[in-house]
Amino acid sequence: MPTAKPKTKSNSKKPSPKGGDQPNRTQKTLLITLIALLVIAIIILKMSLFKTYPVEGKKQMLSINTGETYTAFIDNLAKENKVDFPVILKLYRKLFIHETLKAGVYEVRQGMNVRQVLEMISDVDNAEMIRVQVIDGTTFKLLKERLKKDPLVEKSVVTLSNEEMMKALDIPYSHPEGLFAPDTYFFGKGESDKKILLDLYQRQMKILDEAWAKRDAGLPYKDKYEALIMASIIEKETSINSEMNQVSGVFVRRLKLGMRLQTDPTVIYGMGERYTGKITKNDLRTPTAYNTYTMSGLPPTPIALPSKKAIQAAMHPDHSDNIYFVATGNGGHKFSSNLDDHNKAVQDYISVMRSKN
């Protein structure tokens, strides 16, 4: 009987399916990518949110203006190269800071990071000081509203009527307009509105007294208050410092000649809430206590808070013969000594404005 051959075990392995290692390689690639992205994210966060806020010395005061936004604040930091990746800061603010910027002066200490600063300026309780900015030519009404709305100011007089407020401040004038010096001021948190207003008043009176003592001879003002009225008109007529003495000269000569001042800012002030951005011919013809088209001389009070430069200009008018001026349409004004030249300047202004429409 023939012997059966024993079966031999084959040592050959079946080949793995093609691409059998591909899932492992894909997983490794994905893991490496995720790690790389995580590292990049950490680096970006460190360079943006957790970057040390630049401080000169051990601490520095950071001033936030009323109405300033986080977007503008972050953009300014980026322009000054104080932060990187501003888009990350804006995204963080949108997701995690639900308050607006709060006006005030904040103390930034050495070692604080950008995220901590962003958080700090969203809470007015963190403010160390009050920043009161009074813009040249603004009205007292706007200053009063600014103090009313400031949560860091202790309210005692701004809630009163103007007449009651002036009595409480013991100021010897019946109307507050023009009596408070425009500038940027810093006061301690919780300072009273009375202290702030008295400080601004005393500064304005010092400026006025010093300018009055050094005034030119022959000015058509009865007293320094009338000079303050003139300064407020000059302030509203031009924002160009080099023109202030010229504007002053025009109005001083008009007063001496018995001409009406015929200045639009006084008409606007007299219109009060009726003014909506434009003056009509009817407005110019409608008498008010401040309409210098219908009345002679100066209005009864200032029409704005004039700067030191405007007050000095009121005391030192130029020595030309000009009694007219009109805007050029390209910035500044054209001054004239006679009506023919003035009318031509008016037509030039109209042509310029038409070309811009």
Protein backbone atom coordinates (compact mmCIF):
# COMPACT_ATOMS: atom_id res chain seq x y z
CA MET A 1 0.00 0.00 0.00
CA PRO A 2 1.61 3.14 -1.06
CA THR A 3 2.55 5.60 1.72
CA ALA A 4 0.86 9.00 1.55
CA LYS A 5 3.18 11.96 1.33
CA PRO A 6 3.02 14.15 4.40
CA LYS A 7 1.60 17.60 3.82
CA THR A 8 4.21 20.30 4.09
CA LYS A 9 3.29 23.54 5.87
CA SER A 10 3.88 26.50 3.66
CA ASN A 11 5.94 29.32 5.26
CA SER A 12 4.81 31.83 2.67
CA LYS A 13 2.51 34.64 3.95
CA LYS A 14 -0.30 35.99 1.95
CA PRO A 15 0.49 39.54 0.90
CA SER A 16 -1.37 42.28 2.82
CA PRO A 17 -3.99 44.10 0.89
CA LYS A 18 -2.56 47.01 -1.06
CA GLY A 19 -2.44 50.16 1.09
CA GLY A 20 -3.00 48.37 4.36
CA ASP A 21 -0.73 50.84 6.24
CA GLN A 22 -2.52 53.89 4.82
CA PRO A 23 -4.95 54.42 7.75
CA ASN A 24 -2.07 54.51 10.21
CA ARG A 25 -0.15 57.02 8.09
CA THR A 26 -3.29 59.21 7.73
CA GLN A 27 -3.87 59.17 11.48
CA LYS A 28 -0.26 60.12 12.15
CA THR A 29 -0.42 62.96 9.61
CA LEU A 30 -3.66 64.23 11.12
CA LEU A 31 -2.21 64.08 14.63
CA ILE A 32 0.92 65.96 13.56
CA THR A 33 -1.24 68.58 11.82
CA LEU A 34 -3.41 69.04 14.90
CA ILE A 35 -0.36 69.39 17.11
CA ALA A 36 1.14 71.91 14.70
CA LEU A 37 -2.10 73.92 14.65
CA LEU A 38 -2.28 73.82 18.44
CA VAL A 39 1.30 75.05 18.70
CA ILE A 40 0.55 77.85 16.21
CA ALA A 41 -2.61 78.78 18.13
CA ILE A 42 -0.66 78.93 21.40
CA ILE A 43 1.99 81.10 19.78
CA ILE A 44 -0.64 83.46 18.33
CA LEU A 45 -2.44 83.70 21.68
CA LYS A 46 0.85 84.39 23.43
CA MET A 47 1.68 87.11 20.90
CA SER A 48 -1.79 88.69 21.13
CA LEU A 49 -3.90 88.14 24.24
CA PHE A 50 -1.10 87.15 26.55
CA LYS A 51 1.51 89.56 25.25
CA THR A 52 2.77 91.91 27.94
CA TYR A 53 1.18 95.34 27.57
CA PRO A 54 3.97 97.89 27.02
CA VAL A 55 4.41 100.13 30.06
CA GLU A 56 7.01 102.81 30.64
CA GLY A 57 8.21 102.32 34.19
CA LYS A 58 6.35 100.39 36.88
CA LYS A 59 2.94 101.78 35.96
CA GLN A 60 1.31 103.99 33.36
CA MET A 61 -2.02 105.78 33.12
CA LEU A 62 -4.29 104.78 30.23
CA SER A 63 -6.96 107.31 29.26
CA ILE A 64 -10.21 106.19 27.61
CA ASN A 65 -12.37 108.89 26.03
CA THR A 66 -16.15 109.04 26.16
CA GLY A 67 -17.57 107.24 23.13
CA GLU A 68 -14.35 105.37 22.30
CA THR A 69 -14.88 101.79 21.08
CA TYR A 70 -12.94 98.56 21.53
CA THR A 71 -12.43 98.34 17.77
CA ALA A 72 -10.84 101.79 17.60
CA PHE A 73 -8.80 101.12 20.75
CA ILE A 74 -7.41 97.84 19.38
CA ASP A 75 -6.73 99.36 15.96
CA ASN A 76 -4.75 102.18 17.59
CA LEU A 77 -2.71 99.68 19.59
CA ALA A 78 -1.93 97.80 16.37
CA LYS A 79 -0.89 100.98 14.55
CA GLU A 80 1.49 101.78 17.40
CA ASN A 81 2.90 98.21 17.21
CA LYS A 82 1.84 97.54 20.79
CA VAL A 83 -0.11 94.40 19.90
CA ASP A 84 -0.02 91.66 17.27
CA PHE A 85 -2.92 89.87 15.60
CA PRO A 86 -5.58 92.51 16.41
CA VAL A 87 -8.26 90.29 14.83
CA ILE A 88 -7.73 87.81 17.68
CA LEU A 89 -8.22 90.58 20.24
CA LYS A 90 -11.43 91.69 18.55
CA LEU A 91 -12.70 88.12 18.44
CA TYR A 92 -11.90 87.61 22.14
CA ARG A 93 -13.69 90.83 23.01
CA LYS A 94 -16.76 89.79 21.01
CA LEU A 95 -16.93 86.36 22.65
CA PHE A 96 -15.95 87.14 26.24
CA ILE A 97 -16.31 90.89 26.96
CA HIS A 98 -19.92 91.96 26.72
CA GLU A 99 -19.50 95.47 28.11
CA THR A 100 -18.49 98.60 26.19
CA LEU A 101 -15.38 100.64 26.91
CA LYS A 102 -15.86 102.83 29.97
CA ALA A 103 -14.42 106.35 29.91
CA GLY A 104 -11.88 107.09 32.60
CA VAL A 105 -8.20 106.93 33.44
CA TYR A 106 -6.85 103.48 34.30
CA GLU A 107 -3.59 102.39 35.92
CA VAL A 108 -1.75 99.76 33.83
CA ARG A 109 0.91 98.04 35.92
CA GLN A 110 4.11 96.56 34.61
CA GLY A 111 3.64 92.88 33.71
CA MET A 112 -0.06 93.08 32.84
CA ASN A 113 -0.96 91.35 29.60
CA VAL A 114 -3.20 92.67 26.84
CA ARG A 115 -6.13 90.47 27.88
CA GLN A 116 -6.05 91.85 31.42
CA VAL A 117 -6.05 95.42 30.09
CA LEU A 118 -9.00 94.68 27.79
CA GLU A 119 -10.94 93.25 30.72
CA MET A 120 -10.00 96.13 33.05
CA ILE A 121 -11.25 98.94 30.82
CA SER A 122 -14.70 97.39 30.51
CA ASP A 123 -15.46 98.12 34.19
CA VAL A 124 -15.64 101.75 35.29
CA ASP A 125 -14.97 100.70 38.89
CA ASN A 126 -11.40 99.97 37.82
CA ALA A 127 -10.82 103.58 36.77
CA GLU A 128 -8.45 105.61 38.91
CA MET A 129 -9.25 109.08 37.58
CA ILE A 130 -11.85 111.07 35.65
CA ARG A 131 -10.81 112.51 32.28
CA VAL A 132 -12.82 115.59 31.40
CA GLN A 133 -12.22 116.85 27.87
CA VAL A 134 -13.70 120.24 27.06
CA ILE A 135 -13.26 120.97 23.36
CA ASP A 136 -12.55 124.52 22.18
CA GLY A 137 -15.81 126.12 21.04
CA THR A 138 -18.14 123.58 22.62
CA THR A 139 -21.15 124.91 24.49
CA PHE A 140 -21.73 124.82 28.23
CA LYS A 141 -24.82 122.71 27.58
CA LEU A 142 -22.65 119.91 26.19
CA LEU A 143 -20.18 120.19 29.09
CA LYS A 144 -23.05 119.94 31.57
CA GLU A 145 -24.45 116.86 29.84
CA ARG A 146 -20.99 115.28 29.81
CA LEU A 147 -20.71 115.67 33.59
CA LYS A 148 -24.26 114.41 34.12
CA LYS A 149 -23.54 111.18 32.26
CA ASP A 150 -20.12 110.47 33.79
CA PRO A 151 -20.60 107.70 36.40
CA LEU A 152 -17.33 108.68 38.12
CA VAL A 153 -18.48 112.23 38.88
CA GLU A 154 -20.35 112.96 42.08
CA LYS A 155 -23.45 114.95 41.13
CA SER A 156 -24.40 117.99 43.20
CA VAL A 157 -24.99 120.98 40.88
CA VAL A 158 -25.35 119.77 37.27
CA THR A 159 -28.85 118.53 38.02
CA LEU A 160 -29.92 122.08 38.88
CA SER A 161 -31.12 124.75 36.48
CA ASN A 162 -28.38 127.05 35.16
CA GLU A 163 -29.57 129.87 37.39
CA GLU A 164 -29.60 127.67 40.51
CA MET A 165 -26.25 126.16 39.55
CA MET A 166 -24.55 129.56 39.21
CA LYS A 167 -25.81 130.53 42.68
CA ALA A 168 -24.58 127.25 44.15
CA LEU A 169 -21.16 127.82 42.56
CA ASP A 170 -21.15 131.43 43.83
CA ILE A 171 -20.19 132.71 40.35
CA PRO A 172 -21.09 136.40 39.85
CA TYR A 173 -22.65 135.94 36.40
CA SER A 174 -26.20 134.98 35.50
CA HIS A 175 -25.34 132.85 32.44
CA PRO A 176 -22.72 130.03 32.41
CA GLU A 177 -21.77 130.18 28.72
CA GLY A 178 -18.13 131.02 28.03
CA LEU A 179 -17.02 131.00 31.67
CA PHE A 180 -15.28 127.61 31.73
CA ALA A 181 -11.88 127.00 30.15
CA PRO A 182 -11.73 124.32 27.43
CA ASP A 183 -8.89 121.83 27.90
CA THR A 184 -8.33 118.24 29.01
CA TYR A 185 -8.48 117.75 32.77
CA PHE A 186 -7.86 114.84 35.12
CA PHE A 187 -9.65 114.51 38.46
CA GLY A 188 -9.77 111.79 41.09
CA LYS A 189 -12.55 109.22 40.83
CA GLY A 190 -15.59 110.42 42.74
CA GLU A 191 -14.72 114.11 42.38
CA SER A 192 -17.74 116.41 42.63
CA ASP A 193 -19.12 118.28 39.66
CA LYS A 194 -18.94 121.44 41.79
CA LYS A 195 -15.18 121.09 42.26
CA ILE A 196 -14.66 120.39 38.55
CA LEU A 197 -16.73 123.36 37.38
CA LEU A 198 -15.10 125.74 39.85
CA ASP A 199 -11.67 124.62 38.67
CA LEU A 200 -12.58 125.25 35.02
CA TYR A 201 -14.16 128.61 35.92
CA GLN A 202 -11.12 129.80 37.88
CA ARG A 203 -8.81 128.83 35.02
CA GLN A 204 -10.92 130.74 32.49
CA MET A 205 -11.04 133.83 34.71
CA LYS A 206 -7.25 133.75 35.14
CA ILE A 207 -6.78 133.55 31.35
CA LEU A 208 -9.29 136.36 30.82
CA ASP A 209 -7.81 138.63 33.51
CA GLU A 210 -4.26 138.22 32.20
CA ALA A 211 -5.34 138.88 28.60
CA TRP A 212 -7.46 141.89 29.62
CA ALA A 213 -4.52 143.45 31.47
CA LYS A 214 -2.41 143.27 28.28
CA ARG A 215 -5.13 144.24 25.79
CA ASP A 216 -4.62 146.70 22.95
CA ALA A 217 -5.75 150.27 23.49
CA GLY A 218 -8.99 151.56 21.98
CA LEU A 219 -10.98 148.32 21.95
CA PRO A 220 -14.78 148.74 21.77
CA TYR A 221 -15.51 146.63 24.86
CA LYS A 222 -17.10 148.03 28.02
CA ASP A 223 -15.47 145.34 30.17
CA LYS A 224 -13.67 141.99 30.04
CA TYR A 225 -17.00 140.13 29.79
CA GLU A 226 -17.71 141.77 26.44
CA ALA A 227 -14.22 140.71 25.35
CA LEU A 228 -15.16 137.15 26.34
CA ILE A 229 -18.31 137.41 24.21
CA MET A 230 -16.18 138.48 21.25
CA ALA A 231 -13.72 135.63 21.88
CA SER A 232 -16.57 133.10 21.72
CA ILE A 233 -17.70 134.49 18.34
CA ILE A 234 -14.13 134.33 17.01
CA GLU A 235 -13.86 130.73 18.24
CA LYS A 236 -16.99 129.70 16.35
CA GLU A 237 -16.05 131.55 13.15
CA THR A 238 -12.66 129.91 12.57
CA SER A 239 -10.69 126.94 13.82
CA ILE A 240 -7.51 128.22 12.15
CA ASN A 241 -5.31 129.90 14.74
CA SER A 242 -3.60 132.15 12.21
CA GLU A 243 -6.99 133.63 11.20
CA MET A 244 -8.25 134.49 14.68
CA ASN A 245 -6.66 137.96 14.83
CA GLN A 246 -8.01 138.73 11.36
CA VAL A 247 -11.55 137.70 12.33
CA SER A 248 -11.19 139.73 15.50
CA GLY A 249 -10.10 142.73 13.43
CA VAL A 250 -13.15 142.50 11.16
CA PHE A 251 -15.60 142.44 14.08
CA VAL A 252 -13.80 145.12 16.08
CA ARG A 253 -13.86 147.48 13.09
CA ARG A 254 -17.55 146.73 12.49
CA LEU A 255 -18.35 147.64 16.09
CA LYS A 256 -16.42 150.89 15.77
CA LEU A 257 -18.15 151.76 12.48
CA GLY A 258 -21.59 150.96 13.87
CA MET A 259 -22.04 148.03 11.46
CA ARG A 260 -23.92 144.93 12.52
CA LEU A 261 -21.71 141.91 13.14
CA GLN A 262 -23.91 139.66 10.95
CA THR A 263 -22.28 136.41 12.08
CA ASP A 264 -24.06 133.09 11.58
CA PRO A 265 -22.89 131.37 14.80
CA THR A 266 -24.81 133.89 16.90
CA VAL A 267 -27.96 133.19 14.88
CA ILE A 268 -27.51 129.44 15.44
CA TYR A 269 -27.04 129.93 19.17
CA GLY A 270 -30.18 132.03 19.38
CA MET A 271 -32.21 129.41 17.51
CA GLY A 272 -31.45 126.80 20.18
CA GLU A 273 -33.28 123.53 19.57
CA ARG A 274 -34.82 124.93 16.37
CA TYR A 275 -31.47 124.68 14.63
CA THR A 276 -31.26 121.44 12.61
CA GLY A 277 -28.10 122.03 10.60
CA LYS A 278 -29.10 124.77 8.16
CA ILE A 279 -29.87 128.48 8.37
CA THR A 280 -32.60 129.91 6.12
CA LYS A 281 -33.15 133.50 5.02
CA ASN A 282 -36.13 133.55 7.36
CA ASP A 283 -33.85 132.56 10.26
CA LEU A 284 -31.60 135.53 9.46
CA ARG A 285 -34.61 137.86 9.52
CA THR A 286 -36.14 136.45 12.73
CA PRO A 287 -35.08 138.56 15.74
CA THR A 288 -33.66 136.83 18.81
CA ALA A 289 -31.45 138.12 21.60
CA TYR A 290 -28.50 136.66 19.66
CA ASN A 291 -29.35 137.44 16.03
CA THR A 292 -26.60 139.87 14.99
CA TYR A 293 -28.28 140.33 11.60
CA THR A 294 -31.24 142.07 13.25
CA MET A 295 -29.50 143.67 16.25
CA SER A 296 -26.53 146.00 16.66
CA GLY A 297 -23.55 145.38 18.90
CA LEU A 298 -22.59 142.22 20.73
CA PRO A 299 -25.04 139.52 21.86
CA PRO A 300 -25.83 139.46 25.60
CA THR A 301 -23.58 136.49 26.49
CA PRO A 302 -20.87 134.34 24.95
CA ILE A 303 -22.09 131.68 22.53
CA ALA A 304 -19.47 129.01 23.33
CA LEU A 305 -16.51 128.19 25.56
CA PRO A 306 -13.60 130.09 23.92
CA SER A 307 -9.99 128.94 24.04
CA LYS A 308 -7.07 130.97 25.35
CA LYS A 309 -6.03 131.74 21.75
CA ALA A 310 -9.47 133.14 20.92
CA ILE A 311 -9.45 135.30 24.06
CA GLN A 312 -6.03 136.67 23.16
CA ALA A 313 -7.22 137.35 19.59
CA ALA A 314 -10.17 139.35 20.95
CA MET A 315 -7.67 141.54 22.82
CA HIS A 316 -5.33 141.94 19.85
CA PRO A 317 -7.21 142.40 16.55
CA ASP A 318 -5.18 142.80 13.37
CA HIS A 319 -4.54 146.29 11.95
CA SER A 320 -5.81 145.82 8.39
CA ASP A 321 -8.77 147.59 6.77
CA ASN A 322 -10.80 144.40 6.27
CA ILE A 323 -14.46 144.49 7.29
CA TYR A 324 -15.69 141.40 5.39
CA PHE A 325 -14.75 137.75 5.16
CA VAL A 326 -16.20 134.62 3.61
CA ALA A 327 -15.15 130.98 3.46
CA THR A 328 -13.08 129.94 0.44
CA GLY A 329 -14.58 126.48 0.19
CA ASN A 330 -11.10 124.98 0.36
CA GLY A 331 -10.35 125.75 3.97
CA GLY A 332 -9.88 129.16 5.54
CA HIS A 333 -11.44 132.49 4.66
CA LYS A 334 -11.00 135.34 2.17
CA PHE A 335 -10.82 138.76 3.85
CA SER A 336 -11.83 141.98 2.04
CA SER A 337 -11.83 145.70 2.78
CA ASN A 338 -14.66 146.65 0.40
CA LEU A 339 -17.99 145.24 -0.70
CA ASP A 340 -17.02 144.70 -4.36
CA ASP A 341 -14.10 142.44 -3.44
CA HIS A 342 -16.26 140.69 -0.88
CA ASN A 343 -19.01 139.98 -3.40
CA LYS A 344 -16.43 138.56 -5.79
CA ALA A 345 -15.11 136.33 -3.00
CA VAL A 346 -18.67 135.16 -2.32
CA GLN A 347 -19.12 134.22 -6.00
CA ASP A 348 -15.79 132.37 -5.94
CA TYR A 349 -16.99 130.44 -2.89
CA ILE A 350 -20.27 129.53 -4.63
CA SER A 351 -18.33 128.31 -7.72
CA VAL A 352 -16.05 126.16 -5.60
CA MET A 353 -18.98 124.58 -3.76
CA ARG A 354 -20.85 123.89 -7.01
CA SER A 355 -17.79 122.17 -8.45
CA LYS A 356 -17.75 119.83 -5.46
CA ASN A 357 -21.37 118.72 -5.93
